[in-house]
Amino acid sequence: MTSFESVTLEVSDPVAAAAFYAALGLASHVRVRASDEAATGFRGFALSLVASQPGNVDALVGAALDAGATALKPAAKSFWGYGGVVQAPDGTICKVASSKKKDSAPAAREFDQLALLLGVADVKASKRFYVDRGLAVGKSFGGKYAEFDTPSSPVTLALYPRRALAKDTGVAEEGAGSHRLVLGGGGEPFTDPDGFAWEPAPARHPG
């Protein structure tokens, strides 16, 4: 039985990466470990930070840029709300957004939800794969999006069409090599249909 419990990013410089994610308030949500596996282009996933208001989006994007991120999409209003996309120094794409278009409180560098978006070839097929392994679906919108109920993790796990995720984050769809991402959960190690690797979740830090 698979459960989703942790996210580990494989990076060339773990010290620098840990400092970056700490600057975004993600130290307790995202783990990093050393890896020099080759990866080119889009790595097929993104971290999505959902904030309560535009001012918080700006604060988070600003913190990311100050910590060395590159802007892929400057924060701006859209028909659905307000958001922007940055790329961490290790190459991970981070989307920061709010459904609100106006602030209702002083801006703060905080978010309400963090999701790991996996870009997959076929959302319905990947959803079936994970359901067969024991994950429960929380939300599903046909072949466009699926979100799992992940009570063991501070991070929500969701599936998105790879092409749509690349377009949404402002990068080309093409990519090769390692995803440089490991998902932790219960059960034996396995690799999903899109090449995302799973392994038993590491022990939680005390406290």
N, C-alpha and C. Protein backbone atom coordinates (compact mmCIF):
# COMPACT_ATOMS: atom_id res chain seq x y z
N MET A 1 0.85 -1.21 0.00
CA MET A 1 0.00 0.00 0.00
C MET A 1 0.88 1.25 0.00
N THR A 2 0.67 2.12 -0.97
CA THR A 2 1.46 3.34 -1.08
C THR A 2 0.77 4.50 -0.34
N SER A 3 1.58 5.28 0.37
CA SER A 3 1.11 6.54 0.92
C SER A 3 2.11 7.60 0.49
N PHE A 4 1.67 8.83 0.39
CA PHE A 4 2.57 9.93 -0.01
C PHE A 4 2.95 10.70 1.24
N GLU A 5 4.26 10.74 1.55
CA GLU A 5 4.69 11.33 2.80
C GLU A 5 5.76 12.42 2.67
N SER A 6 6.54 12.39 1.60
CA SER A 6 7.63 13.37 1.53
C SER A 6 8.07 13.63 0.10
N VAL A 7 8.75 14.79 -0.07
CA VAL A 7 9.31 15.20 -1.36
C VAL A 7 10.80 15.41 -1.17
N THR A 8 11.61 14.75 -2.00
CA THR A 8 13.05 14.94 -1.97
C THR A 8 13.52 15.40 -3.34
N LEU A 9 14.21 16.52 -3.36
CA LEU A 9 14.80 17.05 -4.59
C LEU A 9 16.27 16.66 -4.64
N GLU A 10 16.69 16.15 -5.78
CA GLU A 10 18.09 15.78 -5.97
C GLU A 10 18.81 16.96 -6.63
N VAL A 11 19.83 17.47 -5.96
CA VAL A 11 20.47 18.73 -6.36
C VAL A 11 21.99 18.58 -6.38
N SER A 12 22.64 19.44 -7.11
CA SER A 12 24.10 19.41 -7.18
C SER A 12 24.74 19.99 -5.93
N ASP A 13 24.08 20.96 -5.31
CA ASP A 13 24.63 21.64 -4.13
C ASP A 13 23.58 21.63 -3.02
N PRO A 14 23.57 20.60 -2.17
CA PRO A 14 22.54 20.50 -1.13
C PRO A 14 22.54 21.66 -0.14
N VAL A 15 23.70 22.20 0.19
CA VAL A 15 23.76 23.31 1.15
C VAL A 15 23.07 24.54 0.59
N ALA A 16 23.38 24.88 -0.66
CA ALA A 16 22.77 26.04 -1.30
C ALA A 16 21.27 25.82 -1.49
N ALA A 17 20.89 24.61 -1.89
CA ALA A 17 19.47 24.32 -2.10
C ALA A 17 18.69 24.40 -0.80
N ALA A 18 19.26 23.87 0.29
CA ALA A 18 18.58 23.93 1.58
C ALA A 18 18.37 25.38 2.01
N ALA A 19 19.35 26.23 1.76
CA ALA A 19 19.23 27.64 2.11
C ALA A 19 18.13 28.31 1.29
N PHE A 20 18.04 27.94 0.01
CA PHE A 20 17.00 28.52 -0.85
C PHE A 20 15.61 28.16 -0.35
N TYR A 21 15.38 26.88 -0.08
CA TYR A 21 14.03 26.46 0.34
C TYR A 21 13.69 26.97 1.74
N ALA A 22 14.71 27.16 2.56
CA ALA A 22 14.47 27.77 3.87
C ALA A 22 14.01 29.21 3.71
N ALA A 23 14.56 29.91 2.73
CA ALA A 23 14.18 31.31 2.49
C ALA A 23 12.72 31.42 2.06
N LEU A 24 12.19 30.36 1.46
CA LEU A 24 10.79 30.36 1.04
C LEU A 24 9.86 29.76 2.10
N GLY A 25 10.43 29.34 3.22
CA GLY A 25 9.62 28.71 4.25
C GLY A 25 9.27 27.26 3.94
N LEU A 26 10.08 26.62 3.10
CA LEU A 26 9.79 25.25 2.67
C LEU A 26 10.70 24.21 3.32
N ALA A 27 11.50 24.61 4.30
CA ALA A 27 12.47 23.69 4.89
C ALA A 27 11.81 22.45 5.47
N SER A 28 10.61 22.60 6.03
CA SER A 28 9.94 21.45 6.63
C SER A 28 9.08 20.69 5.63
N HIS A 29 9.02 21.17 4.40
CA HIS A 29 8.18 20.54 3.38
C HIS A 29 8.99 19.78 2.33
N VAL A 30 10.20 20.25 2.07
CA VAL A 30 11.00 19.71 0.97
C VAL A 30 12.37 19.30 1.49
N ARG A 31 12.78 18.09 1.15
CA ARG A 31 14.12 17.61 1.49
C ARG A 31 15.02 17.75 0.27
N VAL A 32 16.32 17.84 0.49
CA VAL A 32 17.28 17.87 -0.61
C VAL A 32 18.38 16.86 -0.34
N ARG A 33 18.94 16.32 -1.43
CA ARG A 33 20.09 15.43 -1.29
C ARG A 33 20.94 15.54 -2.55
N ALA A 34 22.20 15.19 -2.42
CA ALA A 34 23.14 15.37 -3.51
C ALA A 34 22.90 14.38 -4.65
N SER A 35 22.99 14.89 -5.87
CA SER A 35 22.91 14.05 -7.06
C SER A 35 23.53 14.81 -8.23
N ASP A 36 24.26 14.08 -9.06
CA ASP A 36 24.81 14.67 -10.28
C ASP A 36 24.23 14.01 -11.52
N GLU A 37 23.06 13.35 -11.36
CA GLU A 37 22.43 12.73 -12.52
C GLU A 37 22.08 13.78 -13.57
N ALA A 38 22.28 13.43 -14.81
CA ALA A 38 22.03 14.37 -15.90
C ALA A 38 20.54 14.66 -16.04
N ALA A 39 20.22 15.93 -16.25
CA ALA A 39 18.84 16.35 -16.50
C ALA A 39 18.88 17.59 -17.38
N THR A 40 18.15 17.56 -18.48
CA THR A 40 18.12 18.71 -19.38
C THR A 40 16.67 19.09 -19.66
N GLY A 41 16.45 20.39 -19.82
CA GLY A 41 15.12 20.87 -20.15
C GLY A 41 14.12 20.70 -19.01
N PHE A 42 12.85 20.59 -19.38
CA PHE A 42 11.77 20.47 -18.40
C PHE A 42 11.86 19.13 -17.68
N ARG A 43 11.88 19.16 -16.36
CA ARG A 43 12.02 17.92 -15.58
C ARG A 43 10.67 17.31 -15.22
N GLY A 44 9.58 17.90 -15.72
CA GLY A 44 8.29 17.23 -15.62
C GLY A 44 7.51 17.45 -14.35
N PHE A 45 7.91 18.39 -13.52
CA PHE A 45 7.16 18.66 -12.30
C PHE A 45 7.34 20.10 -11.87
N ALA A 46 6.49 20.54 -10.95
CA ALA A 46 6.60 21.88 -10.38
C ALA A 46 6.05 21.86 -8.97
N LEU A 47 6.57 22.75 -8.14
CA LEU A 47 6.00 22.97 -6.82
C LEU A 47 5.04 24.16 -6.94
N SER A 48 3.85 24.02 -6.39
CA SER A 48 2.83 25.06 -6.46
C SER A 48 2.51 25.58 -5.07
N LEU A 49 2.83 26.84 -4.83
CA LEU A 49 2.53 27.48 -3.55
C LEU A 49 1.28 28.33 -3.72
N VAL A 50 0.27 28.05 -2.93
CA VAL A 50 -0.99 28.79 -3.01
C VAL A 50 -1.05 29.74 -1.81
N ALA A 51 -1.14 31.04 -2.11
CA ALA A 51 -1.17 32.06 -1.07
C ALA A 51 -2.57 32.67 -0.97
N SER A 52 -2.83 33.36 0.14
CA SER A 52 -4.17 33.88 0.38
C SER A 52 -4.45 35.19 -0.33
N GLN A 53 -3.38 35.90 -0.78
CA GLN A 53 -3.60 37.21 -1.39
C GLN A 53 -2.38 37.59 -2.24
N PRO A 54 -2.56 38.57 -3.16
CA PRO A 54 -1.46 38.96 -4.04
C PRO A 54 -0.20 39.45 -3.31
N GLY A 55 -0.38 40.16 -2.21
CA GLY A 55 0.78 40.67 -1.48
C GLY A 55 1.67 39.54 -0.99
N ASN A 56 1.07 38.44 -0.60
CA ASN A 56 1.85 37.29 -0.16
C ASN A 56 2.57 36.63 -1.33
N VAL A 57 1.92 36.63 -2.49
CA VAL A 57 2.58 36.12 -3.69
C VAL A 57 3.83 36.94 -3.97
N ASP A 58 3.70 38.25 -3.95
CA ASP A 58 4.84 39.13 -4.20
C ASP A 58 5.95 38.90 -3.18
N ALA A 59 5.58 38.71 -1.91
CA ALA A 59 6.57 38.50 -0.86
C ALA A 59 7.34 37.19 -1.09
N LEU A 60 6.62 36.15 -1.48
CA LEU A 60 7.26 34.86 -1.73
C LEU A 60 8.14 34.90 -2.98
N VAL A 61 7.62 35.51 -4.05
CA VAL A 61 8.41 35.62 -5.28
C VAL A 61 9.65 36.47 -5.02
N GLY A 62 9.49 37.56 -4.27
CA GLY A 62 10.63 38.40 -3.93
C GLY A 62 11.68 37.65 -3.14
N ALA A 63 11.25 36.84 -2.18
CA ALA A 63 12.19 36.05 -1.37
C ALA A 63 12.92 35.05 -2.25
N ALA A 64 12.19 34.45 -3.20
CA ALA A 64 12.83 33.49 -4.10
C ALA A 64 13.88 34.16 -4.98
N LEU A 65 13.55 35.31 -5.54
CA LEU A 65 14.50 36.03 -6.39
C LEU A 65 15.71 36.49 -5.59
N ASP A 66 15.48 36.96 -4.38
CA ASP A 66 16.59 37.39 -3.52
C ASP A 66 17.51 36.22 -3.19
N ALA A 67 16.94 35.01 -3.15
CA ALA A 67 17.72 33.82 -2.81
C ALA A 67 18.35 33.16 -4.03
N GLY A 68 18.21 33.79 -5.19
CA GLY A 68 18.90 33.29 -6.38
C GLY A 68 18.04 32.68 -7.46
N ALA A 69 16.72 32.74 -7.31
CA ALA A 69 15.84 32.17 -8.34
C ALA A 69 15.83 33.06 -9.58
N THR A 70 15.36 32.47 -10.68
CA THR A 70 15.18 33.18 -11.95
C THR A 70 13.69 33.29 -12.23
N ALA A 71 13.24 34.45 -12.69
CA ALA A 71 11.82 34.63 -13.01
C ALA A 71 11.50 33.98 -14.36
N LEU A 72 10.52 33.08 -14.38
CA LEU A 72 10.03 32.51 -15.62
C LEU A 72 8.80 33.26 -16.10
N LYS A 73 7.93 33.64 -15.16
CA LYS A 73 6.76 34.47 -15.43
C LYS A 73 6.64 35.48 -14.31
N PRO A 74 6.84 36.76 -14.57
CA PRO A 74 6.68 37.77 -13.52
C PRO A 74 5.26 37.73 -12.94
N ALA A 75 5.15 37.99 -11.65
CA ALA A 75 3.83 37.98 -11.00
C ALA A 75 2.92 39.02 -11.65
N ALA A 76 1.70 38.60 -11.96
CA ALA A 76 0.77 39.49 -12.64
C ALA A 76 -0.66 39.00 -12.42
N LYS A 77 -1.63 39.89 -12.65
CA LYS A 77 -3.04 39.51 -12.57
C LYS A 77 -3.43 38.71 -13.80
N SER A 78 -4.39 37.81 -13.61
CA SER A 78 -4.97 37.08 -14.73
C SER A 78 -6.46 36.92 -14.45
N PHE A 79 -7.16 36.25 -15.34
CA PHE A 79 -8.61 36.11 -15.13
C PHE A 79 -8.93 35.25 -13.92
N TRP A 80 -7.98 34.40 -13.51
CA TRP A 80 -8.25 33.51 -12.37
C TRP A 80 -7.69 34.02 -11.05
N GLY A 81 -6.86 35.07 -11.10
CA GLY A 81 -6.29 35.56 -9.84
C GLY A 81 -4.99 36.31 -10.07
N TYR A 82 -3.95 35.93 -9.33
CA TYR A 82 -2.67 36.64 -9.38
C TYR A 82 -1.57 35.62 -9.12
N GLY A 83 -0.51 35.65 -9.92
CA GLY A 83 0.56 34.69 -9.69
C GLY A 83 1.75 34.89 -10.58
N GLY A 84 2.82 34.16 -10.27
CA GLY A 84 4.05 34.20 -11.05
C GLY A 84 4.77 32.87 -10.91
N VAL A 85 5.83 32.69 -11.70
CA VAL A 85 6.59 31.45 -11.70
C VAL A 85 8.08 31.77 -11.64
N VAL A 86 8.80 31.07 -10.77
CA VAL A 86 10.25 31.23 -10.68
C VAL A 86 10.91 29.86 -10.80
N GLN A 87 12.20 29.88 -11.11
CA GLN A 87 12.97 28.64 -11.16
C GLN A 87 14.09 28.72 -10.14
N ALA A 88 14.13 27.77 -9.25
CA ALA A 88 15.15 27.73 -8.21
C ALA A 88 16.53 27.53 -8.81
N PRO A 89 17.59 27.88 -8.08
CA PRO A 89 18.94 27.67 -8.60
C PRO A 89 19.22 26.21 -8.97
N ASP A 90 18.55 25.26 -8.31
CA ASP A 90 18.76 23.84 -8.64
C ASP A 90 17.93 23.40 -9.84
N GLY A 91 17.11 24.29 -10.39
CA GLY A 91 16.33 23.98 -11.57
C GLY A 91 14.87 23.68 -11.31
N THR A 92 14.48 23.50 -10.05
CA THR A 92 13.08 23.22 -9.73
C THR A 92 12.20 24.43 -10.04
N ILE A 93 11.07 24.18 -10.66
CA ILE A 93 10.12 25.24 -11.00
C ILE A 93 9.13 25.42 -9.85
N CYS A 94 8.93 26.66 -9.44
CA CYS A 94 8.02 26.98 -8.34
C CYS A 94 6.97 27.98 -8.84
N LYS A 95 5.72 27.57 -8.77
CA LYS A 95 4.61 28.44 -9.15
C LYS A 95 4.00 29.01 -7.87
N VAL A 96 3.81 30.33 -7.83
CA VAL A 96 3.25 30.99 -6.65
C VAL A 96 2.01 31.75 -7.10
N ALA A 97 0.86 31.46 -6.48
CA ALA A 97 -0.38 32.06 -6.97
C ALA A 97 -1.41 32.24 -5.87
N SER A 98 -2.35 33.12 -6.13
CA SER A 98 -3.50 33.34 -5.25
C SER A 98 -4.73 33.50 -6.13
N SER A 99 -5.87 33.00 -5.65
CA SER A 99 -7.12 33.17 -6.39
C SER A 99 -7.70 34.57 -6.19
N LYS A 100 -7.15 35.31 -5.22
CA LYS A 100 -7.62 36.67 -4.94
C LYS A 100 -6.85 37.68 -5.80
N LYS A 101 -7.50 38.79 -6.09
CA LYS A 101 -6.87 39.84 -6.88
C LYS A 101 -6.57 41.08 -6.06
N LYS A 102 -7.06 41.10 -4.81
CA LYS A 102 -6.81 42.25 -3.94
C LYS A 102 -6.40 41.77 -2.56
N ASP A 103 -5.56 42.56 -1.90
CA ASP A 103 -5.11 42.23 -0.56
C ASP A 103 -6.18 42.60 0.47
N SER A 104 -6.26 41.79 1.51
CA SER A 104 -7.19 42.08 2.60
C SER A 104 -6.46 42.17 3.93
N ALA A 105 -5.11 42.08 3.89
CA ALA A 105 -4.31 42.15 5.11
C ALA A 105 -2.89 42.55 4.71
N PRO A 106 -2.06 42.94 5.68
CA PRO A 106 -0.66 43.24 5.35
C PRO A 106 0.01 42.04 4.68
N ALA A 107 0.88 42.32 3.72
CA ALA A 107 1.56 41.24 3.00
C ALA A 107 2.47 40.46 3.95
N ALA A 108 2.54 39.15 3.74
CA ALA A 108 3.39 38.29 4.55
C ALA A 108 3.99 37.21 3.66
N ARG A 109 5.20 36.79 4.00
CA ARG A 109 5.86 35.74 3.22
C ARG A 109 5.36 34.38 3.71
N GLU A 110 4.14 34.06 3.33
CA GLU A 110 3.56 32.80 3.78
C GLU A 110 2.59 32.27 2.73
N PHE A 111 2.36 30.97 2.78
CA PHE A 111 1.45 30.32 1.85
C PHE A 111 0.51 29.42 2.63
N ASP A 112 -0.62 29.09 2.01
CA ASP A 112 -1.63 28.26 2.68
C ASP A 112 -1.55 26.80 2.28
N GLN A 113 -1.05 26.54 1.09
CA GLN A 113 -0.97 25.16 0.60
C GLN A 113 0.22 25.01 -0.32
N LEU A 114 0.86 23.85 -0.25
CA LEU A 114 1.95 23.51 -1.17
C LEU A 114 1.58 22.21 -1.87
N ALA A 115 1.65 22.21 -3.18
CA ALA A 115 1.35 21.01 -3.95
C ALA A 115 2.53 20.65 -4.84
N LEU A 116 2.73 19.35 -5.03
CA LEU A 116 3.69 18.85 -6.00
C LEU A 116 2.89 18.45 -7.23
N LEU A 117 3.12 19.15 -8.34
CA LEU A 117 2.41 18.88 -9.59
C LEU A 117 3.29 18.00 -10.47
N LEU A 118 2.83 16.79 -10.74
CA LEU A 118 3.55 15.90 -11.64
C LEU A 118 2.98 16.04 -13.05
N GLY A 119 3.84 16.37 -14.00
CA GLY A 119 3.40 16.45 -15.39
C GLY A 119 3.43 15.06 -16.01
N VAL A 120 2.27 14.56 -16.41
CA VAL A 120 2.17 13.17 -16.88
C VAL A 120 1.60 13.12 -18.30
N ALA A 121 1.87 12.01 -18.97
CA ALA A 121 1.40 11.86 -20.34
C ALA A 121 -0.11 11.67 -20.41
N ASP A 122 -0.67 10.97 -19.41
CA ASP A 122 -2.10 10.65 -19.42
C ASP A 122 -2.60 10.70 -17.98
N VAL A 123 -3.31 11.77 -17.63
CA VAL A 123 -3.77 11.94 -16.25
C VAL A 123 -4.65 10.78 -15.80
N LYS A 124 -5.57 10.35 -16.65
CA LYS A 124 -6.49 9.27 -16.26
C LYS A 124 -5.73 7.97 -16.00
N ALA A 125 -4.76 7.65 -16.86
CA ALA A 125 -3.99 6.42 -16.69
C ALA A 125 -3.12 6.48 -15.44
N SER A 126 -2.48 7.62 -15.22
CA SER A 126 -1.64 7.76 -14.03
C SER A 126 -2.48 7.74 -12.75
N LYS A 127 -3.66 8.34 -12.81
CA LYS A 127 -4.55 8.30 -11.66
C LYS A 127 -4.93 6.86 -11.33
N ARG A 128 -5.26 6.08 -12.34
CA ARG A 128 -5.60 4.67 -12.11
C ARG A 128 -4.42 3.92 -11.50
N PHE A 129 -3.22 4.21 -12.00
CA PHE A 129 -2.02 3.56 -11.49
C PHE A 129 -1.87 3.80 -9.99
N TYR A 130 -2.04 5.05 -9.59
CA TYR A 130 -1.86 5.37 -8.17
C TYR A 130 -3.02 4.87 -7.31
N VAL A 131 -4.22 4.91 -7.84
CA VAL A 131 -5.35 4.36 -7.09
C VAL A 131 -5.15 2.87 -6.86
N ASP A 132 -4.63 2.17 -7.87
CA ASP A 132 -4.36 0.74 -7.73
C ASP A 132 -3.30 0.46 -6.68
N ARG A 133 -2.45 1.46 -6.42
CA ARG A 133 -1.40 1.30 -5.40
C ARG A 133 -1.86 1.78 -4.02
N GLY A 134 -3.11 2.26 -3.94
CA GLY A 134 -3.66 2.58 -2.62
C GLY A 134 -3.89 4.05 -2.32
N LEU A 135 -3.55 4.95 -3.24
CA LEU A 135 -3.81 6.37 -2.98
C LEU A 135 -5.28 6.67 -3.26
N ALA A 136 -5.85 7.56 -2.45
CA ALA A 136 -7.25 7.95 -2.62
C ALA A 136 -7.33 9.28 -3.35
N VAL A 137 -8.25 9.40 -4.30
CA VAL A 137 -8.41 10.64 -5.06
C VAL A 137 -9.23 11.64 -4.24
N GLY A 138 -8.71 12.86 -4.13
CA GLY A 138 -9.43 13.92 -3.44
C GLY A 138 -10.25 14.76 -4.39
N LYS A 139 -9.67 15.13 -5.54
CA LYS A 139 -10.35 15.90 -6.58
C LYS A 139 -9.94 15.34 -7.93
N SER A 140 -10.85 15.41 -8.90
CA SER A 140 -10.51 14.93 -10.23
C SER A 140 -11.35 15.67 -11.27
N PHE A 141 -10.68 16.13 -12.33
CA PHE A 141 -11.37 16.83 -13.41
C PHE A 141 -10.99 16.16 -14.73
N GLY A 142 -11.55 14.96 -14.95
CA GLY A 142 -11.31 14.24 -16.19
C GLY A 142 -9.84 14.01 -16.45
N GLY A 143 -9.43 14.32 -17.68
CA GLY A 143 -8.03 14.15 -18.04
C GLY A 143 -7.19 15.39 -17.84
N LYS A 144 -7.75 16.39 -17.13
CA LYS A 144 -7.05 17.67 -16.98
C LYS A 144 -6.33 17.84 -15.65
N TYR A 145 -6.80 17.13 -14.61
CA TYR A 145 -6.21 17.34 -13.29
C TYR A 145 -6.72 16.26 -12.34
N ALA A 146 -5.86 15.80 -11.47
CA ALA A 146 -6.27 14.89 -10.40
C ALA A 146 -5.43 15.19 -9.17
N GLU A 147 -6.08 15.23 -8.02
CA GLU A 147 -5.41 15.54 -6.76
C GLU A 147 -5.73 14.42 -5.77
N PHE A 148 -4.70 13.96 -5.07
CA PHE A 148 -4.88 12.86 -4.14
C PHE A 148 -5.06 13.37 -2.72
N ASP A 149 -5.74 12.56 -1.92
CA ASP A 149 -5.91 12.84 -0.50
C ASP A 149 -4.64 12.33 0.19
N THR A 150 -3.82 13.25 0.70
CA THR A 150 -2.50 12.87 1.21
C THR A 150 -2.33 13.34 2.66
N PRO A 151 -3.03 12.73 3.61
CA PRO A 151 -2.97 13.19 4.99
C PRO A 151 -1.63 12.98 5.66
N SER A 152 -0.77 12.11 5.12
CA SER A 152 0.53 11.85 5.74
C SER A 152 1.59 12.88 5.36
N SER A 153 1.25 13.78 4.46
CA SER A 153 2.24 14.72 3.96
C SER A 153 1.76 16.17 4.05
N PRO A 154 2.67 17.12 4.36
CA PRO A 154 2.31 18.53 4.32
C PRO A 154 2.19 19.05 2.88
N VAL A 155 2.53 18.20 1.93
CA VAL A 155 2.49 18.56 0.51
C VAL A 155 1.37 17.77 -0.17
N THR A 156 0.55 18.44 -0.96
CA THR A 156 -0.49 17.77 -1.74
C THR A 156 0.13 17.22 -3.02
N LEU A 157 -0.29 16.05 -3.43
CA LEU A 157 0.19 15.43 -4.66
C LEU A 157 -0.88 15.54 -5.73
N ALA A 158 -0.51 16.05 -6.91
CA ALA A 158 -1.48 16.23 -7.98
C ALA A 158 -0.87 15.88 -9.33
N LEU A 159 -1.73 15.50 -10.26
CA LEU A 159 -1.33 15.16 -11.62
C LEU A 159 -1.87 16.19 -12.59
N TYR A 160 -1.05 16.54 -13.57
CA TYR A 160 -1.37 17.58 -14.55
C TYR A 160 -0.83 17.10 -15.89
N PRO A 161 -1.47 17.36 -17.00
CA PRO A 161 -0.87 16.98 -18.28
C PRO A 161 0.49 17.65 -18.46
N ARG A 162 1.48 16.89 -18.87
CA ARG A 162 2.84 17.43 -18.97
C ARG A 162 2.89 18.68 -19.85
N ARG A 163 2.24 18.60 -21.02
CA ARG A 163 2.28 19.74 -21.95
C ARG A 163 1.64 20.98 -21.31
N ALA A 164 0.51 20.78 -20.63
CA ALA A 164 -0.18 21.90 -20.00
C ALA A 164 0.64 22.48 -18.85
N LEU A 165 1.34 21.62 -18.09
CA LEU A 165 2.16 22.11 -16.99
C LEU A 165 3.33 22.93 -17.50
N ALA A 166 3.95 22.46 -18.57
CA ALA A 166 5.05 23.23 -19.16
C ALA A 166 4.56 24.59 -19.64
N LYS A 167 3.43 24.61 -20.32
CA LYS A 167 2.88 25.89 -20.80
C LYS A 167 2.53 26.81 -19.65
N ASP A 168 1.93 26.25 -18.60
CA ASP A 168 1.50 27.03 -17.45
C ASP A 168 2.67 27.67 -16.72
N THR A 169 3.81 26.98 -16.73
CA THR A 169 4.98 27.49 -16.00
C THR A 169 5.95 28.25 -16.90
N GLY A 170 5.66 28.32 -18.19
CA GLY A 170 6.46 29.16 -19.07
C GLY A 170 7.73 28.53 -19.60
N VAL A 171 7.75 27.18 -19.73
CA VAL A 171 8.94 26.51 -20.25
C VAL A 171 8.55 25.61 -21.41
N ALA A 172 9.54 25.21 -22.19
CA ALA A 172 9.30 24.26 -23.27
C ALA A 172 9.05 22.88 -22.68
N GLU A 173 8.22 22.09 -23.37
CA GLU A 173 7.84 20.77 -22.85
C GLU A 173 8.98 19.77 -22.88
N GLU A 174 9.93 19.96 -23.78
CA GLU A 174 10.98 18.96 -23.98
C GLU A 174 11.91 18.87 -22.76
N GLY A 175 12.32 17.66 -22.46
CA GLY A 175 13.26 17.43 -21.37
C GLY A 175 13.74 16.00 -21.42
N ALA A 176 14.92 15.75 -20.87
CA ALA A 176 15.48 14.40 -20.89
C ALA A 176 16.32 14.18 -19.64
N GLY A 177 16.57 12.90 -19.35
CA GLY A 177 17.38 12.56 -18.19
C GLY A 177 16.55 12.41 -16.94
N SER A 178 17.19 12.56 -15.80
CA SER A 178 16.54 12.33 -14.51
C SER A 178 15.53 13.42 -14.18
N HIS A 179 14.42 13.03 -13.53
CA HIS A 179 13.51 14.04 -12.99
C HIS A 179 14.15 14.78 -11.81
N ARG A 180 15.15 14.14 -11.19
CA ARG A 180 15.80 14.68 -9.98
C ARG A 180 14.76 14.94 -8.88
N LEU A 181 13.86 14.01 -8.76
CA LEU A 181 12.78 14.10 -7.77
C LEU A 181 12.51 12.70 -7.25
N VAL A 182 12.38 12.57 -5.94
CA VAL A 182 12.02 11.29 -5.33
C VAL A 182 10.85 11.51 -4.40
N LEU A 183 9.80 10.73 -4.58
CA LEU A 183 8.63 10.80 -3.72
C LEU A 183 8.75 9.72 -2.66
N GLY A 184 8.48 10.08 -1.41
CA GLY A 184 8.58 9.13 -0.33
C GLY A 184 7.22 8.67 0.14
N GLY A 185 7.11 7.36 0.39
CA GLY A 185 5.84 6.83 0.87
C GLY A 185 6.02 5.43 1.42
N GLY A 186 4.92 4.85 1.85
CA GLY A 186 4.97 3.49 2.35
C GLY A 186 5.11 2.49 1.22
N GLY A 187 5.61 1.32 1.53
CA GLY A 187 5.71 0.27 0.53
C GLY A 187 7.09 0.17 -0.10
N GLU A 188 7.20 -0.70 -1.10
CA GLU A 188 8.46 -0.95 -1.78
C GLU A 188 8.77 0.15 -2.79
N PRO A 189 10.05 0.33 -3.12
CA PRO A 189 10.40 1.30 -4.16
C PRO A 189 9.75 0.92 -5.49
N PHE A 190 9.37 1.92 -6.27
CA PHE A 190 8.83 1.67 -7.61
C PHE A 190 8.98 2.94 -8.43
N THR A 191 8.74 2.81 -9.72
CA THR A 191 8.76 3.95 -10.64
C THR A 191 7.43 3.99 -11.36
N ASP A 192 6.82 5.18 -11.45
CA ASP A 192 5.49 5.26 -12.06
C ASP A 192 5.60 5.31 -13.59
N PRO A 193 4.47 5.32 -14.32
CA PRO A 193 4.53 5.26 -15.78
C PRO A 193 5.27 6.42 -16.43
N ASP A 194 5.43 7.53 -15.73
CA ASP A 194 6.13 8.68 -16.30
C ASP A 194 7.56 8.81 -15.79
N GLY A 195 8.03 7.77 -15.11
CA GLY A 195 9.43 7.75 -14.68
C GLY A 195 9.71 8.41 -13.34
N PHE A 196 8.67 8.78 -12.59
CA PHE A 196 8.89 9.37 -11.27
C PHE A 196 9.17 8.26 -10.25
N ALA A 197 10.25 8.43 -9.51
CA ALA A 197 10.71 7.39 -8.58
C ALA A 197 10.11 7.57 -7.19
N TRP A 198 9.73 6.44 -6.60
CA TRP A 198 9.23 6.40 -5.23
C TRP A 198 10.13 5.49 -4.40
N GLU A 199 10.29 5.84 -3.14
CA GLU A 199 11.02 4.98 -2.22
C GLU A 199 10.39 5.13 -0.83
N PRO A 200 10.68 4.20 0.10
CA PRO A 200 10.14 4.35 1.45
C PRO A 200 10.52 5.71 2.02
N ALA A 201 9.56 6.36 2.68
CA ALA A 201 9.80 7.70 3.21
C ALA A 201 10.86 7.65 4.29
N PRO A 202 11.78 8.64 4.32
CA PRO A 202 12.76 8.69 5.40
C PRO A 202 12.10 8.99 6.72
N ALA A 203 12.79 8.66 7.80
CA ALA A 203 12.23 8.91 9.14
C ALA A 203 12.04 10.40 9.34
N ARG A 204 10.97 10.76 10.00
CA ARG A 204 10.68 12.17 10.27
C ARG A 204 11.62 12.69 11.35
N HIS A 205 11.96 13.97 11.22
CA HIS A 205 12.80 14.60 12.24
C HIS A 205 11.99 14.76 13.52
N PRO A 206 12.57 14.53 14.68
CA PRO A 206 11.81 14.73 15.92
C PRO A 206 11.39 16.17 16.09
N GLY A 207 10.20 16.36 16.66
CA GLY A 207 9.72 17.70 16.90
C GLY A 207 9.02 18.28 15.71
